[in-house]
C-alpha atoms as a PDB file:
ATOM      1  CA  MET A   1       0.001  -0.016  -0.056  1.00  0.00           C
ATOM      2  CA  THR A   2       1.371   3.506  -0.830  1.00  0.00           C
ATOM      3  CA  ILE A   3       0.818   6.688   1.115  1.00  0.00           C
ATOM      4  CA  ALA A   4      -1.609   7.752  -1.579  1.00  0.00           C
ATOM      5  CA  GLU A   5      -3.808   4.556  -1.087  1.00  0.00           C
ATOM      6  CA  SER A   6      -3.960   4.901   2.648  1.00  0.00           C
ATOM      7  CA  LYS A   7      -7.119   6.432   4.097  1.00  0.00           C
ATOM      8  CA  ASP A   8      -5.335   7.328   7.362  1.00  0.00           C
ATOM      9  CA  ILE A   9      -2.302   9.338   5.697  1.00  0.00           C
ATOM     10  CA  ALA A  10      -3.119  12.415   3.258  1.00  0.00           C
ATOM     11  CA  ALA A  11      -0.476  12.649   0.695  1.00  0.00           C
ATOM     12  CA  PRO A  12       0.183  16.189  -0.492  1.00  0.00           C
ATOM     13  CA  GLU A  13      -1.177  17.379  -3.538  1.00  0.00           C
ATOM     14  CA  PRO A  14       1.597  17.970  -6.280  1.00  0.00           C
ATOM     15  CA  CYS A  15       0.831  21.598  -6.287  1.00  0.00           C
ATOM     16  CA  GLU A  16       2.240  21.714  -2.611  1.00  0.00           C
ATOM     17  CA  ARG A  17       5.766  21.578  -3.557  1.00  0.00           C
ATOM     18  CA  GLY A  18       6.686  23.666  -0.382  1.00  0.00           C
ATOM     19  CA  VAL A  19       5.104  21.145   1.810  1.00  0.00           C
ATOM     20  CA  LEU A  20       6.853  18.203   0.376  1.00  0.00           C
ATOM     21  CA  GLU A  21      10.212  20.165   0.394  1.00  0.00           C
ATOM     22  CA  GLN A  22       9.592  20.963   4.118  1.00  0.00           C
ATOM     23  CA  PHE A  23       8.921  17.100   4.754  1.00  0.00           C
ATOM     24  CA  HIS A  24      12.089  16.131   3.065  1.00  0.00           C
ATOM     25  CA  ARG A  25      14.226  18.491   5.102  1.00  0.00           C
ATOM     26  CA  ALA A  26      12.627  17.189   8.175  1.00  0.00           C
ATOM     27  CA  LEU A  27      13.645  13.653   7.074  1.00  0.00           C
ATOM     28  CA  GLY A  28      17.038  14.902   6.360  1.00  0.00           C
ATOM     29  CA  VAL A  29      17.537  16.325   9.965  1.00  0.00           C
ATOM     30  CA  LEU A  30      16.485  12.968  11.463  1.00  0.00           C
ATOM     31  CA  ALA A  31      18.080  10.778   8.928  1.00  0.00           C
ATOM     32  CA  GLY A  32      21.319   8.881   9.444  1.00  0.00           C
ATOM     33  CA  LYS A  33      22.391   5.599  10.738  1.00  0.00           C
ATOM     34  CA  TRP A  34      22.945   6.824  14.374  1.00  0.00           C
ATOM     35  CA  LYS A  35      20.612   9.808  14.882  1.00  0.00           C
ATOM     36  CA  GLY A  36      17.358   7.738  15.498  1.00  0.00           C
ATOM     37  CA  GLU A  37      19.429   5.710  18.334  1.00  0.00           C
ATOM     38  CA  ILE A  38      20.887   8.893  19.829  1.00  0.00           C
ATOM     39  CA  LEU A  39      17.485  10.472  20.104  1.00  0.00           C
ATOM     40  CA  TRP A  40      16.142   7.106  21.491  1.00  0.00           C
ATOM     41  CA  GLN A  41      18.566   7.135  24.338  1.00  0.00           C
ATOM     42  CA  LEU A  42      18.197  10.930  25.043  1.00  0.00           C
ATOM     43  CA  VAL A  43      14.437  10.625  25.045  1.00  0.00           C
ATOM     44  CA  GLN A  44      14.826   8.485  28.202  1.00  0.00           C
ATOM     45  CA  ARG A  45      17.160  10.896  30.175  1.00  0.00           C
ATOM     46  CA  LYS A  46      20.216  13.229  29.884  1.00  0.00           C
ATOM     47  CA  HIS A  47      23.491  11.386  28.975  1.00  0.00           C
ATOM     48  CA  ARG A  48      27.156  12.136  29.151  1.00  0.00           C
ATOM     49  CA  PHE A  49      29.324  11.354  26.011  1.00  0.00           C
ATOM     50  CA  GLY A  50      30.743   8.016  27.367  1.00  0.00           C
ATOM     51  CA  GLU A  51      27.168   6.997  28.487  1.00  0.00           C
ATOM     52  CA  LEU A  52      25.936   7.295  24.944  1.00  0.00           C
ATOM     53  CA  ARG A  53      28.669   5.645  23.308  1.00  0.00           C
ATOM     54  CA  GLN A  54      28.485   2.559  25.642  1.00  0.00           C
ATOM     55  CA  SER A  55      24.664   2.585  25.007  1.00  0.00           C
ATOM     56  CA  ILE A  56      24.925   2.443  21.145  1.00  0.00           C
ATOM     57  CA  PRO A  57      27.119  -0.536  20.046  1.00  0.00           C
ATOM     58  CA  GLY A  58      29.119   0.037  16.786  1.00  0.00           C
ATOM     59  CA  VAL A  59      29.129   3.970  16.802  1.00  0.00           C
ATOM     60  CA  THR A  60      32.657   5.281  16.790  1.00  0.00           C
ATOM     61  CA  GLN A  61      33.811   8.163  18.801  1.00  0.00           C
ATOM     62  CA  HIS A  62      34.029  10.267  15.510  1.00  0.00           C
ATOM     63  CA  MET A  63      30.644   9.428  14.338  1.00  0.00           C
ATOM     64  CA  LEU A  64      28.861  10.150  17.685  1.00  0.00           C
ATOM     65  CA  THR A  65      30.681  13.423  17.897  1.00  0.00           C
ATOM     66  CA  THR A  66      29.694  14.281  14.420  1.00  0.00           C
ATOM     67  CA  GLN A  67      26.124  13.200  14.778  1.00  0.00           C
ATOM     68  CA  LEU A  68      25.738  15.023  18.107  1.00  0.00           C
ATOM     69  CA  ARG A  69      26.945  18.330  16.586  1.00  0.00           C
ATOM     70  CA  ASP A  70      24.365  18.044  13.546  1.00  0.00           C
ATOM     71  CA  LEU A  71      21.649  17.192  16.056  1.00  0.00           C
ATOM     72  CA  GLU A  72      22.601  20.280  18.351  1.00  0.00           C
ATOM     73  CA  ALA A  73      23.105  22.515  14.981  1.00  0.00           C
ATOM     74  CA  ASN A  74      19.506  21.577  14.027  1.00  0.00           C
ATOM     75  CA  GLY A  75      17.996  22.304  17.489  1.00  0.00           C
ATOM     76  CA  LEU A  76      17.262  18.798  18.532  1.00  0.00           C
ATOM     77  CA  VAL A  77      20.020  18.229  21.415  1.00  0.00           C
ATOM     78  CA  LYS A  78      21.048  20.435  23.979  1.00  0.00           C
ATOM     79  CA  ARG A  79      24.796  20.160  24.992  1.00  0.00           C
ATOM     80  CA  THR A  80      25.695  21.630  28.491  1.00  0.00           C
ATOM     81  CA  VAL A  81      29.315  21.922  29.547  1.00  0.00           C
ATOM     82  CA  TYR A  82      29.865  22.026  33.300  1.00  0.00           C
ATOM     83  CA  PRO A  83      33.028  23.894  34.393  1.00  0.00           C
ATOM     84  CA  GLU A  84      34.786  21.149  36.365  1.00  0.00           C
ATOM     85  CA  VAL A  85      37.979  19.414  35.888  1.00  0.00           C
ATOM     86  CA  PRO A  86      37.784  17.243  33.930  1.00  0.00           C
ATOM     87  CA  PRO A  87      34.920  18.926  32.284  1.00  0.00           C
ATOM     88  CA  ARG A  88      31.530  17.187  32.373  1.00  0.00           C
ATOM     89  CA  VAL A  89      29.220  17.408  29.279  1.00  0.00           C
ATOM     90  CA  GLU A  90      25.589  16.298  29.294  1.00  0.00           C
ATOM     91  CA  TYR A  91      23.485  15.905  26.252  1.00  0.00           C
ATOM     92  CA  GLU A  92      19.502  16.099  26.379  1.00  0.00           C
ATOM     93  CA  ILE A  93      16.763  16.107  24.206  1.00  0.00           C
ATOM     94  CA  THR A  94      15.000  19.612  23.152  1.00  0.00           C
ATOM     95  CA  PRO A  95      11.268  20.147  23.332  1.00  0.00           C
ATOM     96  CA  SER A  96      11.216  20.384  19.562  1.00  0.00           C
ATOM     97  CA  ALA A  97      12.821  16.779  19.358  1.00  0.00           C
ATOM     98  CA  ARG A  98      10.544  15.404  21.940  1.00  0.00           C
ATOM     99  CA  ALA A  99       7.564  16.299  19.385  1.00  0.00           C
ATOM    100  CA  PRO A 100       8.172  13.259  17.099  1.00  0.00           C
ATOM    101  CA  GLN A 101       8.273  10.846  20.155  1.00  0.00           C
ATOM    102  CA  PRO A 102       5.018   9.466  19.123  1.00  0.00           C
ATOM    103  CA  VAL A 103       6.464   8.412  15.969  1.00  0.00           C
ATOM    104  CA  PHE A 104       9.349   6.694  17.675  1.00  0.00           C
ATOM    105  CA  ASP A 105       6.973   4.970  19.909  1.00  0.00           C
ATOM    106  CA  GLU A 106       4.828   3.551  16.942  1.00  0.00           C
ATOM    107  CA  LEU A 107       8.196   2.387  15.250  1.00  0.00           C
ATOM    108  CA  PHE A 108       9.165   0.729  18.460  1.00  0.00           C
ATOM    109  CA  ARG A 109       5.738  -0.890  18.808  1.00  0.00           C
ATOM    110  CA  TRP A 110       5.655  -1.909  15.225  1.00  0.00           C
ATOM    111  CA  SER A 111       8.974  -3.510  15.491  1.00  0.00           C
ATOM    112  CA  GLN A 112       7.758  -5.427  18.586  1.00  0.00           C
ATOM    113  CA  GLU A 113       4.866  -6.600  16.648  1.00  0.00           C
ATOM    114  CA  HIS A 114       6.025  -7.485  13.367  1.00  0.00           C
ATOM    115  CA  GLY A 115       9.834  -8.099  13.835  1.00  0.00           C
ATOM    116  CA  LEU A 116      12.298  -8.053  11.072  1.00  0.00           C
ATOM    117  CA  PRO A 117      14.245 -10.941   9.960  1.00  0.00           C
ATOM    118  CA  THR A 118      18.014 -11.180  10.903  1.00  0.00           C
ATOM    119  CA  ALA A 119      20.638 -11.839   8.294  1.00  0.00           C
ATOM    120  CA  ALA A 120      20.488 -15.561   9.314  1.00  0.00           C
ATOM    121  CA  GLN A 121      16.870 -15.814   9.094  1.00  0.00           C
ATOM    122  CA  PRO A 122      15.167 -16.819   5.610  1.00  0.00           C
ATOM    123  CA  LYS A 123      12.782 -14.075   4.558  1.00  0.00           C
ATOM    124  CA  GLY A 124       9.205 -14.698   5.070  1.00  0.00           C
ATOM    125  CA  SER A 125       9.830 -16.716   8.516  1.00  0.00           C
ATOM    126  CA  SER A 126       8.892 -15.271  11.770  1.00  0.00           C
ATOM    127  CA  PRO A 127      11.299 -15.148  14.836  1.00  0.00           C
ATOM    128  CA  ASP A 128       8.664 -16.258  17.273  1.00  0.00           C
ATOM    129  CA  LYS A 129       7.643 -19.414  15.242  1.00  0.00           C
ATOM    130  CA  LYS A 130       9.587 -22.713  15.319  1.00  0.00           C
ATOM    131  CA  ALA A 131       9.843 -24.771  12.308  1.00  0.00           C
ATOM    132  CA  GLN A 132       7.398 -27.327  11.972  1.00  0.00           C
ATOM    133  CA  PRO A 133       8.618 -30.714  11.095  1.00  0.00           C
ATOM    134  CA  LYS A 134       7.123 -32.016   7.614  1.00  0.00           C
END
């Protein structure tokens, strides 16, 4: 089913080019391999850099720094530096980043309900169902 076929979601008319461009910009701000995971962690609570790095397996220090800077530049993450030795830096989600939380909640619910096949799992099989002998 496409968005245009769905009765729940109204697709923009072709003449509403500005609306579509705004939507593409919004997706660009949220797109990226790590941004969703970073925001998912920060929606729970504030995190220090090291905590974020430990909670997101596979992210490099450089990539986490880059993604956090991008999220901060777009107003989705607030970075607070405390004047201590050594300096303490905390990251938290901003109110504008909290607005799409229902979308993340739905994605999480959808992933729990439908699951996705792993690389070792054949397409079409369910992770919850055991193979039935023939």
